Amino acid sequence: MEWYKNRTVYRYAILGFLAGIVLLFAVYWLEIQAAHLPFTLDSYRSLHGNNYIFFLLDLGPIVFGIIFGLMGLQRSLNLKIMQGKKSGRRSSTPFLT
């Protein structure tokens, strides 16, 4: 299967990436508000200097994009299996029947 040509995978991956960006900005905003810091680049740097977990949080959009892309791949495969079952064709592999 040519998964890299699948629109569902791309759509889910982009959705996951955007969800990761929203989560990233929400966490930064909450932490800046809790520390009573101004919303500037210096406060962003100080958060990274004081809490190393923010370096992992920066990878969130990439990880969310990969996970959501895999979910899109599973959805696409599931739709193909359901279409095959509806059309009445039997597969040559026994685990797909």
N, C-alpha and C. Protein backbone atom coordinates (compact mmCIF):
# COMPACT_ATOMS: atom_id res chain seq x y z
N MET A 1 0.84 -1.19 0.00
CA MET A 1 0.00 0.00 0.00
C MET A 1 0.89 1.25 0.00
N GLU A 2 0.48 2.20 -0.74
CA GLU A 2 1.25 3.43 -0.82
C GLU A 2 0.69 4.42 0.18
N TRP A 3 1.10 4.29 1.42
CA TRP A 3 0.55 5.12 2.50
C TRP A 3 0.96 6.57 2.36
N TYR A 4 2.07 6.83 1.72
CA TYR A 4 2.53 8.22 1.59
C TYR A 4 1.69 9.02 0.60
N LYS A 5 0.85 8.36 -0.18
CA LYS A 5 -0.05 9.05 -1.09
C LYS A 5 -1.46 9.18 -0.51
N ASN A 6 -1.65 8.75 0.71
CA ASN A 6 -2.97 8.71 1.32
C ASN A 6 -3.30 10.08 1.93
N ARG A 7 -4.41 10.65 1.51
CA ARG A 7 -4.82 11.97 2.02
C ARG A 7 -5.25 11.91 3.48
N THR A 8 -5.82 10.80 3.91
CA THR A 8 -6.29 10.67 5.29
C THR A 8 -5.11 10.73 6.26
N VAL A 9 -4.02 10.10 5.89
CA VAL A 9 -2.84 10.13 6.76
C VAL A 9 -2.32 11.56 6.89
N TYR A 10 -2.23 12.27 5.78
CA TYR A 10 -1.77 13.66 5.82
C TYR A 10 -2.71 14.55 6.62
N ARG A 11 -4.00 14.35 6.43
CA ARG A 11 -5.00 15.16 7.13
C ARG A 11 -4.90 14.94 8.65
N TYR A 12 -4.79 13.70 9.06
CA TYR A 12 -4.67 13.41 10.49
C TYR A 12 -3.34 13.90 11.05
N ALA A 13 -2.26 13.76 10.29
CA ALA A 13 -0.95 14.22 10.77
C ALA A 13 -0.94 15.73 10.95
N ILE A 14 -1.53 16.46 10.03
CA ILE A 14 -1.59 17.92 10.17
C ILE A 14 -2.46 18.32 11.34
N LEU A 15 -3.57 17.61 11.51
CA LEU A 15 -4.44 17.86 12.65
C LEU A 15 -3.71 17.60 13.98
N GLY A 16 -2.94 16.54 14.04
CA GLY A 16 -2.16 16.23 15.24
C GLY A 16 -1.08 17.27 15.51
N PHE A 17 -0.42 17.72 14.44
CA PHE A 17 0.60 18.75 14.60
C PHE A 17 0.00 20.05 15.14
N LEU A 18 -1.16 20.44 14.60
CA LEU A 18 -1.82 21.66 15.07
C LEU A 18 -2.31 21.51 16.52
N ALA A 19 -2.78 20.32 16.87
CA ALA A 19 -3.19 20.08 18.25
C ALA A 19 -1.99 20.17 19.19
N GLY A 20 -0.85 19.69 18.74
CA GLY A 20 0.38 19.79 19.54
C GLY A 20 0.83 21.24 19.72
N ILE A 21 0.68 22.05 18.68
CA ILE A 21 1.03 23.47 18.77
C ILE A 21 0.12 24.18 19.76
N VAL A 22 -1.18 23.88 19.68
CA VAL A 22 -2.14 24.50 20.61
C VAL A 22 -1.81 24.11 22.04
N LEU A 23 -1.53 22.83 22.25
CA LEU A 23 -1.16 22.36 23.59
C LEU A 23 0.13 23.02 24.07
N LEU A 24 1.09 23.17 23.18
CA LEU A 24 2.36 23.80 23.53
C LEU A 24 2.16 25.24 23.99
N PHE A 25 1.42 26.01 23.22
CA PHE A 25 1.18 27.40 23.59
C PHE A 25 0.33 27.52 24.85
N ALA A 26 -0.61 26.61 25.03
CA ALA A 26 -1.44 26.65 26.24
C ALA A 26 -0.60 26.38 27.49
N VAL A 27 0.29 25.42 27.42
CA VAL A 27 1.13 25.11 28.58
C VAL A 27 2.09 26.26 28.87
N TYR A 28 2.68 26.83 27.82
CA TYR A 28 3.59 27.97 28.03
C TYR A 28 2.83 29.16 28.62
N TRP A 29 1.65 29.42 28.10
CA TRP A 29 0.88 30.55 28.61
C TRP A 29 0.52 30.33 30.08
N LEU A 30 0.09 29.12 30.43
CA LEU A 30 -0.26 28.83 31.83
C LEU A 30 0.96 28.96 32.75
N GLU A 31 2.09 28.48 32.31
CA GLU A 31 3.30 28.55 33.14
C GLU A 31 3.78 29.99 33.29
N ILE A 32 3.69 30.77 32.23
CA ILE A 32 4.09 32.18 32.31
C ILE A 32 3.15 32.95 33.23
N GLN A 33 1.85 32.64 33.15
CA GLN A 33 0.89 33.31 34.03
C GLN A 33 1.10 32.90 35.49
N ALA A 34 1.42 31.64 35.73
CA ALA A 34 1.63 31.17 37.10
C ALA A 34 2.89 31.78 37.71
N ALA A 35 3.91 32.03 36.89
CA ALA A 35 5.16 32.60 37.38
C ALA A 35 5.14 34.12 37.36
N HIS A 36 4.04 34.72 36.92
CA HIS A 36 3.91 36.19 36.83
C HIS A 36 5.02 36.81 36.00
N LEU A 37 5.26 36.19 34.85
CA LEU A 37 6.27 36.69 33.92
C LEU A 37 5.58 37.37 32.74
N PRO A 38 6.25 38.32 32.10
CA PRO A 38 5.66 38.91 30.88
C PRO A 38 5.77 37.91 29.73
N PHE A 39 4.91 38.04 28.77
CA PHE A 39 4.91 37.13 27.62
C PHE A 39 5.93 37.61 26.60
N THR A 40 7.20 37.31 26.89
CA THR A 40 8.30 37.73 26.01
C THR A 40 9.22 36.55 25.74
N LEU A 41 10.19 36.78 24.88
CA LEU A 41 11.15 35.75 24.54
C LEU A 41 12.07 35.43 25.72
N ASP A 42 12.36 36.42 26.54
CA ASP A 42 13.21 36.19 27.71
C ASP A 42 12.54 35.27 28.73
N SER A 43 11.23 35.41 28.91
CA SER A 43 10.53 34.51 29.84
C SER A 43 10.49 33.09 29.27
N TYR A 44 10.37 32.98 27.95
CA TYR A 44 10.43 31.67 27.30
C TYR A 44 11.79 31.02 27.55
N ARG A 45 12.85 31.78 27.43
CA ARG A 45 14.20 31.26 27.68
C ARG A 45 14.40 30.90 29.15
N SER A 46 13.85 31.71 30.05
CA SER A 46 14.01 31.40 31.47
C SER A 46 13.24 30.14 31.86
N LEU A 47 12.09 29.90 31.23
CA LEU A 47 11.37 28.66 31.50
C LEU A 47 12.19 27.45 31.06
N HIS A 48 12.84 27.55 29.92
CA HIS A 48 13.69 26.45 29.46
C HIS A 48 14.93 26.29 30.34
N GLY A 49 15.45 27.39 30.84
CA GLY A 49 16.63 27.30 31.69
C GLY A 49 16.34 26.72 33.06
N ASN A 50 15.13 26.96 33.57
CA ASN A 50 14.78 26.48 34.91
C ASN A 50 14.13 25.11 34.91
N ASN A 51 13.38 24.79 33.88
CA ASN A 51 12.66 23.52 33.81
C ASN A 51 13.01 22.81 32.52
N TYR A 52 13.72 21.71 32.64
CA TYR A 52 14.17 21.01 31.43
C TYR A 52 13.06 20.22 30.76
N ILE A 53 11.92 20.06 31.42
CA ILE A 53 10.81 19.34 30.82
C ILE A 53 10.25 20.10 29.61
N PHE A 54 10.50 21.39 29.52
CA PHE A 54 10.01 22.17 28.39
C PHE A 54 10.72 21.80 27.09
N PHE A 55 11.92 21.24 27.19
CA PHE A 55 12.57 20.75 25.97
C PHE A 55 11.80 19.56 25.40
N LEU A 56 11.29 18.70 26.27
CA LEU A 56 10.46 17.59 25.80
C LEU A 56 9.11 18.09 25.29
N LEU A 57 8.60 19.11 25.92
CA LEU A 57 7.32 19.68 25.49
C LEU A 57 7.43 20.28 24.10
N ASP A 58 8.59 20.75 23.73
CA ASP A 58 8.80 21.30 22.39
C ASP A 58 8.66 20.23 21.31
N LEU A 59 8.87 18.97 21.66
CA LEU A 59 8.72 17.88 20.70
C LEU A 59 7.28 17.42 20.55
N GLY A 60 6.39 17.98 21.35
CA GLY A 60 4.98 17.58 21.34
C GLY A 60 4.30 17.64 20.00
N PRO A 61 4.42 18.73 19.25
CA PRO A 61 3.75 18.77 17.94
C PRO A 61 4.24 17.70 16.97
N ILE A 62 5.52 17.38 17.02
CA ILE A 62 6.05 16.34 16.13
C ILE A 62 5.50 14.98 16.53
N VAL A 63 5.51 14.70 17.83
CA VAL A 63 5.01 13.41 18.33
C VAL A 63 3.51 13.28 18.06
N PHE A 64 2.76 14.34 18.31
CA PHE A 64 1.32 14.31 18.04
C PHE A 64 1.06 14.10 16.55
N GLY A 65 1.84 14.74 15.69
CA GLY A 65 1.68 14.56 14.25
C GLY A 65 1.92 13.12 13.83
N ILE A 66 2.94 12.49 14.37
CA ILE A 66 3.24 11.10 14.03
C ILE A 66 2.12 10.18 14.52
N ILE A 67 1.69 10.38 15.76
CA ILE A 67 0.66 9.51 16.33
C ILE A 67 -0.66 9.68 15.58
N PHE A 68 -1.05 10.91 15.31
CA PHE A 68 -2.29 11.13 14.58
C PHE A 68 -2.19 10.61 13.15
N GLY A 69 -1.00 10.71 12.53
CA GLY A 69 -0.81 10.15 11.20
C GLY A 69 -0.99 8.64 11.18
N LEU A 70 -0.50 7.98 12.22
CA LEU A 70 -0.71 6.54 12.33
C LEU A 70 -2.19 6.21 12.54
N MET A 71 -2.88 7.06 13.28
CA MET A 71 -4.32 6.87 13.45
C MET A 71 -5.05 7.02 12.11
N GLY A 72 -4.62 7.96 11.30
CA GLY A 72 -5.21 8.14 9.98
C GLY A 72 -4.94 6.95 9.08
N LEU A 73 -3.75 6.36 9.20
CA LEU A 73 -3.43 5.17 8.42
C LEU A 73 -4.33 4.02 8.82
N GLN A 74 -4.55 3.85 10.12
CA GLN A 74 -5.44 2.78 10.59
C GLN A 74 -6.87 3.01 10.12
N ARG A 75 -7.31 4.26 10.16
CA ARG A 75 -8.67 4.57 9.69
C ARG A 75 -8.82 4.26 8.21
N SER A 76 -7.82 4.61 7.43
CA SER A 76 -7.86 4.35 6.00
C SER A 76 -7.90 2.85 5.72
N LEU A 77 -7.08 2.09 6.43
CA LEU A 77 -7.09 0.64 6.24
C LEU A 77 -8.42 0.04 6.67
N ASN A 78 -8.99 0.55 7.76
CA ASN A 78 -10.27 0.05 8.24
C ASN A 78 -11.38 0.33 7.23
N LEU A 79 -11.35 1.51 6.61
CA LEU A 79 -12.36 1.83 5.60
C LEU A 79 -12.24 0.92 4.38
N LYS A 80 -11.02 0.59 3.99
CA LYS A 80 -10.83 -0.32 2.85
C LYS A 80 -11.33 -1.72 3.18
N ILE A 81 -11.10 -2.17 4.40
CA ILE A 81 -11.59 -3.48 4.80
C ILE A 81 -13.11 -3.51 4.81
N MET A 82 -13.72 -2.45 5.33
CA MET A 82 -15.18 -2.39 5.37
C MET A 82 -15.78 -2.33 3.96
N GLN A 83 -15.15 -1.62 3.05
CA GLN A 83 -15.63 -1.56 1.67
C GLN A 83 -15.53 -2.93 1.01
N GLY A 84 -14.47 -3.64 1.31
CA GLY A 84 -14.31 -4.99 0.76
C GLY A 84 -15.37 -5.93 1.29
N LYS A 85 -15.71 -5.80 2.56
CA LYS A 85 -16.74 -6.65 3.15
C LYS A 85 -18.12 -6.33 2.58
N LYS A 86 -18.38 -5.05 2.32
CA LYS A 86 -19.68 -4.66 1.78
C LYS A 86 -19.85 -5.12 0.34
N SER A 87 -18.78 -5.13 -0.41
CA SER A 87 -18.89 -5.52 -1.81
C SER A 87 -19.03 -7.03 -1.97
N GLY A 88 -18.77 -7.79 -0.93
CA GLY A 88 -18.96 -9.23 -0.97
C GLY A 88 -17.77 -9.99 -1.48
N ARG A 89 -16.71 -9.30 -1.79
CA ARG A 89 -15.51 -10.00 -2.25
C ARG A 89 -14.82 -10.65 -1.07
N ARG A 90 -14.33 -11.83 -1.29
CA ARG A 90 -13.59 -12.52 -0.23
C ARG A 90 -12.10 -12.32 -0.48
N SER A 91 -11.39 -12.10 0.58
CA SER A 91 -9.96 -11.87 0.48
C SER A 91 -9.23 -13.20 0.44
N SER A 92 -8.02 -13.18 -0.11
CA SER A 92 -7.23 -14.40 -0.16
C SER A 92 -6.54 -14.67 1.18
N THR A 93 -6.49 -13.67 2.06
CA THR A 93 -5.89 -13.86 3.37
C THR A 93 -7.00 -14.21 4.36
N PRO A 94 -6.81 -15.24 5.17
CA PRO A 94 -7.90 -15.70 6.04
C PRO A 94 -8.21 -14.75 7.20
N PHE A 95 -7.28 -13.92 7.61
CA PHE A 95 -7.54 -13.07 8.77
C PHE A 95 -8.34 -11.83 8.41
N LEU A 96 -8.57 -11.54 7.14
CA LEU A 96 -9.37 -10.39 6.75
C LEU A 96 -10.83 -10.75 6.45
N THR A 97 -11.20 -12.02 6.58
CA THR A 97 -12.58 -12.42 6.27
C THR A 97 -13.49 -12.21 7.44
